[in-house]
Amino acid sequence: MSEKKEINIVIGQNIKKEREKVGLTQDQFSEMIGLGTKSLSAVERGTVGVSLTTLRKICTTLSISCDTLLFGAQEKNDVSELSARLALLTPKQFRIASDVMGNLLEAFATTDE
């Protein structure tokens, strides 16, 4: 038996989680993406990798990004409040806020955290 690669395990687990989240069985999902049920099972267990073509079909069928499959569901910031506050600024204030935010994001990109 071949050794499981960590990336295949992670992707397989995320595929299974996302498939189950939308309520599809392996049979239903494998038919939708044009993959045999045994092949899908092997992918979900991480015993085999998935081709880019199949990965694209999976993402399209589940309406998710490949980031979700590669990294799992990530906690997202609620930017709606910040966006609403920025929308109330005058054009001059917005440019200043945009410059400050740009500098802040550059500083964050250079830190380790």
PDB file of N, CA and C in Angstrom:
ATOM      1  N   MET A   1       0.848  -1.184   0.000  1.00  0.00           N
ATOM      2  CA  MET A   1       0.000   0.000   0.000  1.00  0.00           C
ATOM      3  C   MET A   1       0.888   1.239   0.000  1.00  0.00           C
ATOM      4  N   SER A   2       0.505   2.249  -0.758  1.00  0.00           N
ATOM      5  CA  SER A   2       1.322   3.446  -0.845  1.00  0.00           C
ATOM      6  C   SER A   2       1.122   4.320   0.391  1.00  0.00           C
ATOM      7  N   GLU A   3       2.149   5.074   0.698  1.00  0.00           N
ATOM      8  CA  GLU A   3       2.109   5.962   1.849  1.00  0.00           C
ATOM      9  C   GLU A   3       1.251   7.179   1.522  1.00  0.00           C
ATOM     10  N   LYS A   4       0.417   7.582   2.460  1.00  0.00           N
ATOM     11  CA  LYS A   4      -0.443   8.736   2.247  1.00  0.00           C
ATOM     12  C   LYS A   4       0.375  10.016   2.380  1.00  0.00           C
ATOM     13  N   LYS A   5       0.183  10.916   1.443  1.00  0.00           N
ATOM     14  CA  LYS A   5       0.819  12.224   1.519  1.00  0.00           C
ATOM     15  C   LYS A   5      -0.086  13.145   2.324  1.00  0.00           C
ATOM     16  N   GLU A   6       0.521  13.957   3.167  1.00  0.00           N
ATOM     17  CA  GLU A   6      -0.248  14.841   4.048  1.00  0.00           C
ATOM     18  C   GLU A   6      -1.208  15.731   3.263  1.00  0.00           C
ATOM     19  N   ILE A   7      -0.765  16.275   2.141  1.00  0.00           N
ATOM     20  CA  ILE A   7      -1.623  17.177   1.363  1.00  0.00           C
ATOM     21  C   ILE A   7      -2.840  16.433   0.825  1.00  0.00           C
ATOM     22  N   ASN A   8      -2.669  15.166   0.426  1.00  0.00           N
ATOM     23  CA  ASN A   8      -3.805  14.379  -0.058  1.00  0.00           C
ATOM     24  C   ASN A   8      -4.808  14.116   1.055  1.00  0.00           C
ATOM     25  N   ILE A   9      -4.302  13.890   2.252  1.00  0.00           N
ATOM     26  CA  ILE A   9      -5.184  13.650   3.397  1.00  0.00           C
ATOM     27  C   ILE A   9      -5.993  14.903   3.707  1.00  0.00           C
ATOM     28  N   VAL A  10      -5.322  16.049   3.740  1.00  0.00           N
ATOM     29  CA  VAL A  10      -5.997  17.313   4.040  1.00  0.00           C
ATOM     30  C   VAL A  10      -7.061  17.617   2.993  1.00  0.00           C
ATOM     31  N   ILE A  11      -6.696  17.522   1.733  1.00  0.00           N
ATOM     32  CA  ILE A  11      -7.649  17.813   0.659  1.00  0.00           C
ATOM     33  C   ILE A  11      -8.810  16.825   0.704  1.00  0.00           C
ATOM     34  N   GLY A  12      -8.512  15.553   0.893  1.00  0.00           N
ATOM     35  CA  GLY A  12      -9.560  14.532   0.959  1.00  0.00           C
ATOM     36  C   GLY A  12     -10.541  14.781   2.087  1.00  0.00           C
ATOM     37  N   GLN A  13     -10.017  15.110   3.263  1.00  0.00           N
ATOM     38  CA  GLN A  13     -10.890  15.392   4.405  1.00  0.00           C
ATOM     39  C   GLN A  13     -11.767  16.615   4.138  1.00  0.00           C
ATOM     40  N   ASN A  14     -11.180  17.634   3.517  1.00  0.00           N
ATOM     41  CA  ASN A  14     -11.952  18.844   3.218  1.00  0.00           C
ATOM     42  C   ASN A  14     -13.007  18.605   2.149  1.00  0.00           C
ATOM     43  N   ILE A  15     -12.695  17.773   1.170  1.00  0.00           N
ATOM     44  CA  ILE A  15     -13.689  17.419   0.146  1.00  0.00           C
ATOM     45  C   ILE A  15     -14.866  16.710   0.813  1.00  0.00           C
ATOM     46  N   LYS A  16     -14.560  15.740   1.655  1.00  0.00           N
ATOM     47  CA  LYS A  16     -15.618  14.993   2.331  1.00  0.00           C
ATOM     48  C   LYS A  16     -16.477  15.919   3.184  1.00  0.00           C
ATOM     49  N   LYS A  17     -15.837  16.803   3.956  1.00  0.00           N
ATOM     50  CA  LYS A  17     -16.578  17.728   4.811  1.00  0.00           C
ATOM     51  C   LYS A  17     -17.504  18.629   3.992  1.00  0.00           C
ATOM     52  N   GLU A  18     -16.994  19.163   2.888  1.00  0.00           N
ATOM     53  CA  GLU A  18     -17.795  20.063   2.052  1.00  0.00           C
ATOM     54  C   GLU A  18     -18.914  19.303   1.330  1.00  0.00           C
ATOM     55  N   ARG A  19     -18.627  18.069   0.908  1.00  0.00           N
ATOM     56  CA  ARG A  19     -19.647  17.238   0.256  1.00  0.00           C
ATOM     57  C   ARG A  19     -20.778  16.953   1.225  1.00  0.00           C
ATOM     58  N   GLU A  20     -20.425  16.567   2.439  1.00  0.00           N
ATOM     59  CA  GLU A  20     -21.440  16.255   3.449  1.00  0.00           C
ATOM     60  C   GLU A  20     -22.215  17.503   3.861  1.00  0.00           C
ATOM     61  N   LYS A  21     -21.550  18.648   3.852  1.00  0.00           N
ATOM     62  CA  LYS A  21     -22.203  19.902   4.220  1.00  0.00           C
ATOM     63  C   LYS A  21     -23.384  20.218   3.291  1.00  0.00           C
ATOM     64  N   VAL A  22     -23.253  19.848   2.015  1.00  0.00           N
ATOM     65  CA  VAL A  22     -24.342  20.105   1.071  1.00  0.00           C
ATOM     66  C   VAL A  22     -25.286  18.910   0.946  1.00  0.00           C
ATOM     67  N   GLY A  23     -25.017  17.860   1.716  1.00  0.00           N
ATOM     68  CA  GLY A  23     -25.936  16.727   1.781  1.00  0.00           C
ATOM     69  C   GLY A  23     -25.850  15.734   0.642  1.00  0.00           C
ATOM     70  N   LEU A  24     -24.686  15.612   0.030  1.00  0.00           N
ATOM     71  CA  LEU A  24     -24.525  14.662  -1.072  1.00  0.00           C
ATOM     72  C   LEU A  24     -23.851  13.384  -0.591  1.00  0.00           C
ATOM     73  N   THR A  25     -24.324  12.255  -1.090  1.00  0.00           N
ATOM     74  CA  THR A  25     -23.662  10.986  -0.824  1.00  0.00           C
ATOM     75  C   THR A  25     -22.465  10.871  -1.762  1.00  0.00           C
ATOM     76  N   GLN A  26     -21.593   9.913  -1.479  1.00  0.00           N
ATOM     77  CA  GLN A  26     -20.470   9.679  -2.389  1.00  0.00           C
ATOM     78  C   GLN A  26     -20.973   9.287  -3.772  1.00  0.00           C
ATOM     79  N   ASP A  27     -22.018   8.470  -3.831  1.00  0.00           N
ATOM     80  CA  ASP A  27     -22.570   8.054  -5.130  1.00  0.00           C
ATOM     81  C   ASP A  27     -23.065   9.258  -5.920  1.00  0.00           C
ATOM     82  N   GLN A  28     -23.844  10.103  -5.282  1.00  0.00           N
ATOM     83  CA  GLN A  28     -24.388  11.280  -5.960  1.00  0.00           C
ATOM     84  C   GLN A  28     -23.272  12.206  -6.439  1.00  0.00           C
ATOM     85  N   PHE A  29     -22.343  12.475  -5.534  1.00  0.00           N
ATOM     86  CA  PHE A  29     -21.275  13.421  -5.845  1.00  0.00           C
ATOM     87  C   PHE A  29     -20.335  12.883  -6.911  1.00  0.00           C
ATOM     88  N   SER A  30     -19.989  11.610  -6.818  1.00  0.00           N
ATOM     89  CA  SER A  30     -19.076  11.041  -7.806  1.00  0.00           C
ATOM     90  C   SER A  30     -19.680  11.089  -9.210  1.00  0.00           C
ATOM     91  N   GLU A  31     -20.986  10.879  -9.291  1.00  0.00           N
ATOM     92  CA  GLU A  31     -21.648  10.972 -10.595  1.00  0.00           C
ATOM     93  C   GLU A  31     -21.611  12.405 -11.125  1.00  0.00           C
ATOM     94  N   MET A  32     -21.802  13.369 -10.236  1.00  0.00           N
ATOM     95  CA  MET A  32     -21.813  14.776 -10.643  1.00  0.00           C
ATOM     96  C   MET A  32     -20.453  15.243 -11.164  1.00  0.00           C
ATOM     97  N   ILE A  33     -19.370  14.691 -10.603  1.00  0.00           N
ATOM     98  CA  ILE A  33     -18.035  15.144 -11.010  1.00  0.00           C
ATOM     99  C   ILE A  33     -17.360  14.191 -11.992  1.00  0.00           C
ATOM    100  N   GLY A  34     -18.067  13.119 -12.351  1.00  0.00           N
ATOM    101  CA  GLY A  34     -17.537  12.190 -13.344  1.00  0.00           C
ATOM    102  C   GLY A  34     -16.396  11.334 -12.829  1.00  0.00           C
ATOM    103  N   LEU A  35     -16.493  10.940 -11.572  1.00  0.00           N
ATOM    104  CA  LEU A  35     -15.472  10.109 -10.952  1.00  0.00           C
ATOM    105  C   LEU A  35     -16.158   8.883 -10.376  1.00  0.00           C
ATOM    106  N   GLY A  36     -15.523   7.745 -10.441  1.00  0.00           N
ATOM    107  CA  GLY A  36     -16.103   6.544  -9.853  1.00  0.00           C
ATOM    108  C   GLY A  36     -16.205   6.676  -8.342  1.00  0.00           C
ATOM    109  N   THR A  37     -17.171   5.972  -7.756  1.00  0.00           N
ATOM    110  CA  THR A  37     -17.373   6.034  -6.308  1.00  0.00           C
ATOM    111  C   THR A  37     -16.138   5.559  -5.558  1.00  0.00           C
ATOM    112  N   LYS A  38     -15.503   4.484  -6.035  1.00  0.00           N
ATOM    113  CA  LYS A  38     -14.297   3.980  -5.378  1.00  0.00           C
ATOM    114  C   LYS A  38     -13.161   4.991  -5.480  1.00  0.00           C
ATOM    115  N   SER A  39     -13.075   5.664  -6.597  1.00  0.00           N
ATOM    116  CA  SER A  39     -12.032   6.689  -6.763  1.00  0.00           C
ATOM    117  C   SER A  39     -12.276   7.862  -5.824  1.00  0.00           C
ATOM    118  N   LEU A  40     -13.531   8.298  -5.719  1.00  0.00           N
ATOM    119  CA  LEU A  40     -13.860   9.386  -4.802  1.00  0.00           C
ATOM    120  C   LEU A  40     -13.550   8.984  -3.367  1.00  0.00           C
ATOM    121  N   SER A  41     -13.888   7.766  -3.003  1.00  0.00           N
ATOM    122  CA  SER A  41     -13.605   7.278  -1.663  1.00  0.00           C
ATOM    123  C   SER A  41     -12.104   7.314  -1.382  1.00  0.00           C
ATOM    124  N   ALA A  42     -11.298   6.909  -2.348  1.00  0.00           N
ATOM    125  CA  ALA A  42      -9.845   6.927  -2.192  1.00  0.00           C
ATOM    126  C   ALA A  42      -9.322   8.355  -2.043  1.00  0.00           C
ATOM    127  N   VAL A  43      -9.906   9.277  -2.792  1.00  0.00           N
ATOM    128  CA  VAL A  43      -9.519  10.687  -2.683  1.00  0.00           C
ATOM    129  C   VAL A  43      -9.864  11.212  -1.289  1.00  0.00           C
ATOM    130  N   GLU A  44     -11.075  10.926  -0.827  1.00  0.00           N
ATOM    131  CA  GLU A  44     -11.510  11.423   0.480  1.00  0.00           C
ATOM    132  C   GLU A  44     -10.695  10.824   1.626  1.00  0.00           C
ATOM    133  N   ARG A  45     -10.207   9.621   1.451  1.00  0.00           N
ATOM    134  CA  ARG A  45      -9.365   8.990   2.474  1.00  0.00           C
ATOM    135  C   ARG A  45      -7.918   9.463   2.386  1.00  0.00           C
ATOM    136  N   GLY A  46      -7.563  10.117   1.293  1.00  0.00           N
ATOM    137  CA  GLY A  46      -6.210  10.623   1.113  1.00  0.00           C
ATOM    138  C   GLY A  46      -5.231   9.597   0.601  1.00  0.00           C
ATOM    139  N   THR A  47      -5.734   8.463   0.117  1.00  0.00           N
ATOM    140  CA  THR A  47      -4.827   7.440  -0.396  1.00  0.00           C
ATOM    141  C   THR A  47      -4.345   7.752  -1.805  1.00  0.00           C
ATOM    142  N   VAL A  48      -5.078   8.611  -2.505  1.00  0.00           N
ATOM    143  CA  VAL A  48      -4.658   9.078  -3.828  1.00  0.00           C
ATOM    144  C   VAL A  48      -4.875  10.584  -3.906  1.00  0.00           C
ATOM    145  N   GLY A  49      -4.136  11.197  -4.791  1.00  0.00           N
ATOM    146  CA  GLY A  49      -4.301  12.630  -5.021  1.00  0.00           C
ATOM    147  C   GLY A  49      -5.409  12.878  -6.037  1.00  0.00           C
ATOM    148  N   VAL A  50      -5.696  14.122  -6.252  1.00  0.00           N
ATOM    149  CA  VAL A  50      -6.741  14.501  -7.194  1.00  0.00           C
ATOM    150  C   VAL A  50      -6.110  15.375  -8.277  1.00  0.00           C
ATOM    151  N   SER A  51      -6.516  15.143  -9.522  1.00  0.00           N
ATOM    152  CA  SER A  51      -5.972  15.945 -10.620  1.00  0.00           C
ATOM    153  C   SER A  51      -6.546  17.359 -10.563  1.00  0.00           C
ATOM    154  N   LEU A  52      -5.878  18.275 -11.216  1.00  0.00           N
ATOM    155  CA  LEU A  52      -6.375  19.656 -11.252  1.00  0.00           C
ATOM    156  C   LEU A  52      -7.725  19.740 -11.953  1.00  0.00           C
ATOM    157  N   THR A  53      -7.921  18.939 -12.961  1.00  0.00           N
ATOM    158  CA  THR A  53      -9.200  18.930 -13.667  1.00  0.00           C
ATOM    159  C   THR A  53     -10.317  18.493 -12.733  1.00  0.00           C
ATOM    160  N   THR A  54     -10.081  17.441 -11.972  1.00  0.00           N
ATOM    161  CA  THR A  54     -11.088  16.951 -11.027  1.00  0.00           C
ATOM    162  C   THR A  54     -11.274  17.940  -9.891  1.00  0.00           C
ATOM    163  N   LEU A  55     -10.192  18.534  -9.430  1.00  0.00           N
ATOM    164  CA  LEU A  55     -10.283  19.544  -8.367  1.00  0.00           C
ATOM    165  C   LEU A  55     -11.170  20.698  -8.812  1.00  0.00           C
ATOM    166  N   ARG A  56     -11.011  21.104 -10.047  1.00  0.00           N
ATOM    167  CA  ARG A  56     -11.842  22.194 -10.584  1.00  0.00           C
ATOM    168  C   ARG A  56     -13.311  21.780 -10.631  1.00  0.00           C
ATOM    169  N   LYS A  57     -13.594  20.550 -11.059  1.00  0.00           N
ATOM    170  CA  LYS A  57     -14.974  20.056 -11.102  1.00  0.00           C
ATOM    171  C   LYS A  57     -15.568  20.016  -9.694  1.00  0.00           C
ATOM    172  N   ILE A  58     -14.770  19.581  -8.734  1.00  0.00           N
ATOM    173  CA  ILE A  58     -15.238  19.503  -7.348  1.00  0.00           C
ATOM    174  C   ILE A  58     -15.596  20.896  -6.840  1.00  0.00           C
ATOM    175  N   CYS A  59     -14.711  21.842  -7.062  1.00  0.00           N
ATOM    176  CA  CYS A  59     -14.954  23.213  -6.600  1.00  0.00           C
ATOM    177  C   CYS A  59     -16.176  23.825  -7.267  1.00  0.00           C
ATOM    178  N   THR A  60     -16.312  23.605  -8.551  1.00  0.00           N
ATOM    179  CA  THR A  60     -17.460  24.133  -9.282  1.00  0.00           C
ATOM    180  C   THR A  60     -18.756  23.500  -8.789  1.00  0.00           C
ATOM    181  N   THR A  61     -18.753  22.200  -8.610  1.00  0.00           N
ATOM    182  CA  THR A  61     -19.953  21.487  -8.171  1.00  0.00           C
ATOM    183  C   THR A  61     -20.364  21.890  -6.763  1.00  0.00           C
ATOM    184  N   LEU A  62     -19.390  22.069  -5.878  1.00  0.00           N
ATOM    185  CA  LEU A  62     -19.696  22.436  -4.496  1.00  0.00           C
ATOM    186  C   LEU A  62     -19.797  23.948  -4.290  1.00  0.00           C
ATOM    187  N   SER A  63     -19.506  24.723  -5.336  1.00  0.00           N
ATOM    188  CA  SER A  63     -19.517  26.192  -5.269  1.00  0.00           C
ATOM    189  C   SER A  63     -18.600  26.706  -4.158  1.00  0.00           C
ATOM    190  N   ILE A  64     -17.363  26.211  -4.166  1.00  0.00           N
ATOM    191  CA  ILE A  64     -16.363  26.640  -3.194  1.00  0.00           C
ATOM    192  C   ILE A  64     -15.068  26.959  -3.925  1.00  0.00           C
ATOM    193  N   SER A  65     -14.183  27.662  -3.247  1.00  0.00           N
ATOM    194  CA  SER A  65     -12.876  27.944  -3.835  1.00  0.00           C
ATOM    195  C   SER A  65     -11.935  26.789  -3.532  1.00  0.00           C
ATOM    196  N   CYS A  66     -10.898  26.666  -4.325  1.00  0.00           N
ATOM    197  CA  CYS A  66      -9.922  25.610  -4.056  1.00  0.00           C
ATOM    198  C   CYS A  66      -9.162  25.909  -2.766  1.00  0.00           C
ATOM    199  N   ASP A  67      -9.129  27.171  -2.340  1.00  0.00           N
ATOM    200  CA  ASP A  67      -8.518  27.507  -1.052  1.00  0.00           C
ATOM    201  C   ASP A  67      -9.202  26.751   0.079  1.00  0.00           C
ATOM    202  N   THR A  68     -10.514  26.607  -0.013  1.00  0.00           N
ATOM    203  CA  THR A  68     -11.258  25.890   1.017  1.00  0.00           C
ATOM    204  C   THR A  68     -10.785  24.442   1.100  1.00  0.00           C
ATOM    205  N   LEU A  69     -10.507  23.835  -0.043  1.00  0.00           N
ATOM    206  CA  LEU A  69     -10.053  22.450  -0.044  1.00  0.00           C
ATOM    207  C   LEU A  69      -8.588  22.330   0.365  1.00  0.00           C
ATOM    208  N   LEU A  70      -7.792  23.307   0.030  1.00  0.00           N
ATOM    209  CA  LEU A  70      -6.375  23.252   0.371  1.00  0.00           C
ATOM    210  C   LEU A  70      -6.098  23.614   1.827  1.00  0.00           C
ATOM    211  N   PHE A  71      -6.840  24.585   2.339  1.00  0.00           N
ATOM    212  CA  PHE A  71      -6.546  25.105   3.672  1.00  0.00           C
ATOM    213  C   PHE A  71      -7.676  24.913   4.675  1.00  0.00           C
ATOM    214  N   GLY A  72      -8.818  24.415   4.223  1.00  0.00           N
ATOM    215  CA  GLY A  72      -9.972  24.279   5.108  1.00  0.00           C
ATOM    216  C   GLY A  72     -10.720  25.597   5.194  1.00  0.00           C
ATOM    217  N   ALA A  73     -11.870  25.550   5.803  1.00  0.00           N
ATOM    218  CA  ALA A  73     -12.672  26.764   5.963  1.00  0.00           C
ATOM    219  C   ALA A  73     -11.947  27.693   6.927  1.00  0.00           C
ATOM    220  N   GLN A  74     -11.655  28.877   6.482  1.00  0.00           N
ATOM    221  CA  GLN A  74     -10.932  29.851   7.286  1.00  0.00           C
ATOM    222  C   GLN A  74     -11.912  30.841   7.916  1.00  0.00           C
ATOM    223  N   GLU A  75     -11.599  31.244   9.133  1.00  0.00           N
ATOM    224  CA  GLU A  75     -12.409  32.268   9.774  1.00  0.00           C
ATOM    225  C   GLU A  75     -12.228  33.558   8.988  1.00  0.00           C
ATOM    226  N   LYS A  76     -13.325  34.209   8.697  1.00  0.00           N
ATOM    227  CA  LYS A  76     -13.265  35.434   7.908  1.00  0.00           C
ATOM    228  C   LYS A  76     -13.665  36.621   8.764  1.00  0.00           C
ATOM    229  N   ASN A  77     -13.027  37.734   8.499  1.00  0.00           N
ATOM    230  CA  ASN A  77     -13.372  38.964   9.191  1.00  0.00           C
ATOM    231  C   ASN A  77     -14.647  39.550   8.603  1.00  0.00           C
ATOM    232  N   ASP A  78     -15.451  40.136   9.457  1.00  0.00           N
ATOM    233  CA  ASP A  78     -16.657  40.805   8.994  1.00  0.00           C
ATOM    234  C   ASP A  78     -16.272  42.231   8.593  1.00  0.00           C
ATOM    235  N   VAL A  79     -16.124  42.450   7.306  1.00  0.00           N
ATOM    236  CA  VAL A  79     -15.677  43.753   6.825  1.00  0.00           C
ATOM    237  C   VAL A  79     -16.832  44.706   6.541  1.00  0.00           C
ATOM    238  N   SER A  80     -18.051  44.238   6.713  1.00  0.00           N
ATOM    239  CA  SER A  80     -19.200  45.084   6.373  1.00  0.00           C
ATOM    240  C   SER A  80     -19.271  46.356   7.219  1.00  0.00           C
ATOM    241  N   GLU A  81     -18.946  46.254   8.522  1.00  0.00           N
ATOM    242  CA  GLU A  81     -18.983  47.449   9.375  1.00  0.00           C
ATOM    243  C   GLU A  81     -17.922  48.457   8.937  1.00  0.00           C
ATOM    244  N   LEU A  82     -16.719  47.964   8.678  1.00  0.00           N
ATOM    245  CA  LEU A  82     -15.641  48.843   8.224  1.00  0.00           C
ATOM    246  C   LEU A  82     -15.986  49.467   6.878  1.00  0.00           C
ATOM    247  N   SER A  83     -16.553  48.686   6.004  1.00  0.00           N
ATOM    248  CA  SER A  83     -16.949  49.183   4.688  1.00  0.00           C
ATOM    249  C   SER A  83     -18.012  50.273   4.809  1.00  0.00           C
ATOM    250  N   ALA A  84     -18.985  50.057   5.680  1.00  0.00           N
ATOM    251  CA  ALA A  84     -20.052  51.049   5.874  1.00  0.00           C
ATOM    252  C   ALA A  84     -19.476  52.359   6.413  1.00  0.00           C
ATOM    253  N   ARG A  85     -18.522  52.264   7.317  1.00  0.00           N
ATOM    254  CA  ARG A  85     -17.912  53.473   7.875  1.00  0.00           C
ATOM    255  C   ARG A  85     -17.088  54.206   6.830  1.00  0.00           C
ATOM    256  N   LEU A  86     -16.359  53.455   6.001  1.00  0.00           N
ATOM    257  CA  LEU A  86     -15.565  54.081   4.945  1.00  0.00           C
ATOM    258  C   LEU A  86     -16.452  54.764   3.906  1.00  0.00           C
ATOM    259  N   ALA A  87     -17.612  54.192   3.659  1.00  0.00           N
ATOM    260  CA  ALA A  87     -18.535  54.762   2.669  1.00  0.00           C
ATOM    261  C   ALA A  87     -19.049  56.130   3.091  1.00  0.00           C
ATOM    262  N   LEU A  88     -19.021  56.430   4.372  1.00  0.00           N
ATOM    263  CA  LEU A  88     -19.520  57.716   4.878  1.00  0.00           C
ATOM    264  C   LEU A  88     -18.488  58.840   4.791  1.00  0.00           C
ATOM    265  N   LEU A  89     -17.251  58.508   4.474  1.00  0.00           N
ATOM    266  CA  LEU A  89     -16.193  59.513   4.406  1.00  0.00           C
ATOM    267  C   LEU A  89     -16.300  60.365   3.150  1.00  0.00           C
ATOM    268  N   THR A  90     -15.778  61.585   3.238  1.00  0.00           N
ATOM    269  CA  THR A  90     -15.670  62.424   2.043  1.00  0.00           C
ATOM    270  C   THR A  90     -14.588  61.812   1.152  1.00  0.00           C
ATOM    271  N   PRO A  91     -14.555  62.169  -0.116  1.00  0.00           N
ATOM    272  CA  PRO A  91     -13.504  61.627  -0.990  1.00  0.00           C
ATOM    273  C   PRO A  91     -12.090  61.885  -0.449  1.00  0.00           C
ATOM    274  N   LYS A  92     -11.849  63.083   0.103  1.00  0.00           N
ATOM    275  CA  LYS A  92     -10.525  63.395   0.645  1.00  0.00           C
ATOM    276  C   LYS A  92     -10.214  62.511   1.862  1.00  0.00           C
ATOM    277  N   GLN A  93     -11.174  62.345   2.756  1.00  0.00           N
ATOM    278  CA  GLN A  93     -10.991  61.493   3.923  1.00  0.00           C
ATOM    279  C   GLN A  93     -10.765  60.038   3.500  1.00  0.00           C
ATOM    280  N   PHE A  94     -11.487  59.610   2.482  1.00  0.00           N
ATOM    281  CA  PHE A  94     -11.345  58.235   2.004  1.00  0.00           C
ATOM    282  C   PHE A  94      -9.938  57.988   1.469  1.00  0.00           C
ATOM    283  N   ARG A  95      -9.403  58.949   0.711  1.00  0.00           N
ATOM    284  CA  ARG A  95      -8.037  58.802   0.177  1.00  0.00           C
ATOM    285  C   ARG A  95      -7.029  58.679   1.321  1.00  0.00           C
ATOM    286  N   ILE A  96      -7.212  59.492   2.357  1.00  0.00           N
ATOM    287  CA  ILE A  96      -6.310  59.429   3.515  1.00  0.00           C
ATOM    288  C   ILE A  96      -6.432  58.067   4.193  1.00  0.00           C
ATOM    289  N   ALA A  97      -7.652  57.621   4.425  1.00  0.00           N
ATOM    290  CA  ALA A  97      -7.878  56.318   5.068  1.00  0.00           C
ATOM    291  C   ALA A  97      -7.305  55.196   4.214  1.00  0.00           C
ATOM    292  N   SER A  98      -7.458  55.313   2.914  1.00  0.00           N
ATOM    293  CA  SER A  98      -6.936  54.299   2.003  1.00  0.00           C
ATOM    294  C   SER A  98      -5.410  54.244   2.070  1.00  0.00           C
ATOM    295  N   ASP A  99      -4.760  55.411   2.110  1.00  0.00           N
ATOM    296  CA  ASP A  99      -3.301  55.459   2.230  1.00  0.00           C
ATOM    297  C   ASP A  99      -2.836  54.841   3.551  1.00  0.00           C
ATOM    298  N   VAL A 100      -3.512  55.212   4.638  1.00  0.00           N
ATOM    299  CA  VAL A 100      -3.152  54.668   5.951  1.00  0.00           C
ATOM    300  C   VAL A 100      -3.335  53.152   5.952  1.00  0.00           C
ATOM    301  N   MET A 101      -4.454  52.680   5.423  1.00  0.00           N
ATOM    302  CA  MET A 101      -4.733  51.244   5.384  1.00  0.00           C
ATOM    303  C   MET A 101      -3.706  50.515   4.529  1.00  0.00           C
ATOM    304  N   GLY A 102      -3.321  51.105   3.411  1.00  0.00           N
ATOM    305  CA  GLY A 102      -2.297  50.502   2.558  1.00  0.00           C
ATOM    306  C   GLY A 102      -0.982  50.355   3.291  1.00  0.00           C
ATOM    307  N   ASN A 103      -0.572  51.411   4.013  1.00  0.00           N
ATOM    308  CA  ASN A 103       0.672  51.357   4.790  1.00  0.00           C
ATOM    309  C   ASN A 103       0.575  50.329   5.909  1.00  0.00           C
ATOM    310  N   LEU A 104      -0.571  50.257   6.553  1.00  0.00           N
ATOM    311  CA  LEU A 104      -0.783  49.302   7.633  1.00  0.00           C
ATOM    312  C   LEU A 104      -0.693  47.864   7.110  1.00  0.00           C
ATOM    313  N   LEU A 105      -1.322  47.601   5.978  1.00  0.00           N
ATOM    314  CA  LEU A 105      -1.272  46.253   5.397  1.00  0.00           C
ATOM    315  C   LEU A 105       0.136  45.880   4.958  1.00  0.00           C
ATOM    316  N   GLU A 106       0.890  46.846   4.450  1.00  0.00           N
ATOM    317  CA  GLU A 106       2.290  46.580   4.097  1.00  0.00           C
ATOM    318  C   GLU A 106       3.089  46.224   5.346  1.00  0.00           C
ATOM    319  N   ALA A 107       2.839  46.946   6.444  1.00  0.00           N
ATOM    320  CA  ALA A 107       3.543  46.648   7.700  1.00  0.00           C
ATOM    321  C   ALA A 107       3.181  45.259   8.203  1.00  0.00           C
ATOM    322  N   PHE A 108       1.909  44.884   8.091  1.00  0.00           N
ATOM    323  CA  PHE A 108       1.484  43.547   8.516  1.00  0.00           C
ATOM    324  C   PHE A 108       2.166  42.474   7.673  1.00  0.00           C
ATOM    325  N   ALA A 109       2.351  42.753   6.406  1.00  0.00           N
ATOM    326  CA  ALA A 109       2.951  41.761   5.503  1.00  0.00           C
ATOM    327  C   ALA A 109       4.410  41.500   5.834  1.00  0.00           C
ATOM    328  N   THR A 110       5.063  42.436   6.487  1.00  0.00           N
ATOM    329  CA  THR A 110       6.483  42.262   6.812  1.00  0.00           C
ATOM    330  C   THR A 110       6.713  41.658   8.194  1.00  0.00           C
ATOM    331  N   THR A 111       5.648  41.487   8.968  1.00  0.00           N
ATOM    332  CA  THR A 111       5.798  40.889  10.296  1.00  0.00           C
ATOM    333  C   THR A 111       5.601  39.382  10.203  1.00  0.00           C
ATOM    334  N   ASP A 112       6.042  38.685  11.226  1.00  0.00           N
ATOM    335  CA  ASP A 112       5.932  37.227  11.249  1.00  0.00           C
ATOM    336  C   ASP A 112       4.536  36.748  11.617  1.00  0.00           C
ATOM    337  N   GLU A 113       3.749  37.558  12.229  1.00  0.00           N
ATOM    338  CA  GLU A 113       2.421  37.123  12.693  1.00  0.00           C
ATOM    339  C   GLU A 113       1.338  37.507  11.750  1.00  0.00           C
TER     340      GLU A 113
END
